[in-house]
Protein backbone atom coordinates (compact mmCIF):
# COMPACT_ATOMS: atom_id res chain seq x y z
CA MET A 1 -49.86 20.25 74.74
CA VAL A 2 -50.60 21.68 71.16
CA SER A 3 -47.53 23.26 69.32
CA GLU A 4 -46.51 26.70 68.40
CA GLU A 5 -46.56 25.24 64.52
CA ASP A 6 -49.86 23.81 64.90
CA LEU A 7 -51.63 26.54 66.78
CA ALA A 8 -50.06 28.65 63.78
CA ARG A 9 -51.55 26.73 61.16
CA GLU A 10 -55.34 26.85 63.33
CA VAL A 11 -55.12 30.87 63.53
CA GLN A 12 -54.02 30.43 59.59
CA ALA A 13 -57.06 28.36 58.73
CA LEU A 14 -59.12 31.10 61.23
CA LEU A 15 -57.93 34.06 59.36
CA GLU A 16 -59.13 32.33 55.77
CA ARG A 17 -62.30 30.74 56.95
CA LYS A 18 -63.48 34.07 58.77
CA LEU A 19 -61.41 36.84 57.42
CA ALA A 20 -61.09 35.88 54.20
CA ALA A 21 -57.66 36.26 54.29
CA GLU A 22 -55.34 33.78 52.69
CA VAL A 23 -51.66 34.27 54.35
CA GLU A 24 -49.10 32.23 52.58
CA SER A 25 -46.42 32.47 55.09
CA VAL A 26 -47.12 32.31 58.69
CA ASP A 27 -44.43 34.89 58.50
CA ALA A 28 -45.84 37.07 56.07
CA ASP A 29 -46.46 40.65 57.89
CA LEU A 30 -50.15 40.83 57.97
CA LEU A 31 -50.25 44.81 58.67
CA GLU A 32 -48.00 45.38 55.56
CA ALA A 33 -49.50 42.94 53.48
CA GLY A 34 -52.98 44.86 54.52
CA PHE A 35 -55.20 42.17 55.75
CA LEU A 36 -55.38 43.61 58.62
CA ASN A 37 -56.95 47.07 59.45
CA SER A 38 -58.98 48.74 62.13
CA LEU A 39 -62.04 46.74 61.32
CA THR A 40 -60.46 43.06 60.67
CA LEU A 41 -58.40 43.80 64.07
CA VAL A 42 -61.35 43.45 65.98
CA GLU A 43 -62.73 41.18 64.25
CA LEU A 44 -59.87 39.14 64.41
CA LEU A 45 -59.55 39.45 68.41
CA TRP A 46 -63.19 38.28 68.62
CA GLN A 47 -62.66 35.12 66.50
CA LEU A 48 -60.00 34.45 68.76
CA GLU A 49 -61.38 34.70 71.49
CA GLU A 50 -64.46 33.05 70.38
CA HIS A 51 -62.54 29.92 69.08
CA PHE A 52 -59.74 29.44 71.72
CA GLY A 53 -62.00 30.75 74.90
CA PHE A 54 -59.84 33.03 76.09
CA ARG A 55 -60.32 37.06 76.82
CA VAL A 56 -57.95 39.68 75.04
CA VAL A 57 -57.04 42.68 76.80
CA VAL A 58 -56.71 45.17 74.63
CA GLU A 59 -54.74 47.76 76.46
CA GLU A 60 -52.09 45.19 77.59
CA LEU A 61 -51.80 44.03 73.57
CA ASP A 62 -48.91 44.64 71.55
CA ILE A 63 -49.49 45.21 67.69
CA GLU A 64 -46.66 43.24 67.16
CA ASN A 65 -48.39 40.35 68.95
CA LEU A 66 -50.63 40.52 65.82
CA ARG A 67 -48.06 40.96 63.01
CA SER A 68 -47.84 37.51 61.69
CA VAL A 69 -49.77 34.45 62.18
CA ARG A 70 -46.64 33.21 63.84
CA SER A 71 -46.85 35.80 66.68
CA ILE A 72 -50.38 35.48 66.84
CA ALA A 73 -50.17 31.75 67.62
CA ARG A 74 -47.20 32.79 70.28
CA LEU A 75 -49.99 35.21 71.82
CA VAL A 76 -52.23 32.11 71.85
CA ALA A 77 -50.06 30.15 73.30
CA GLY A 78 -49.41 32.59 76.10
CA LEU A 79 -52.93 33.33 76.86
CA LYS A 80 -53.49 29.83 76.59
CA ARG A 81 -50.89 28.74 79.62
CA ALA A 82 -52.02 31.73 81.72
CA CYS A 83 -55.81 30.63 81.18
CA ALA A 84 -54.81 27.42 82.20
CA ALA A 85 -52.68 28.38 85.40
CA VAL A 86 -55.98 30.22 86.82
């Protein structure tokens, strides 16, 4: 099983590669720092789905899950667990 720290590094690399967002800390607030807006949020969700192989149900999504690299890693871990349990 992949650790949350490994997932955080993977998410951080994905942000850098696909969204050109160089986030210095996994705890930095992505919304406050201006990394995420409505367009980049949609792109981020699409990239997460493509990279990790799951679907995000937008209606069930809490914006707090996307506030930092660490919170995105927790979201990914939870979605991966849910997919594995099916």
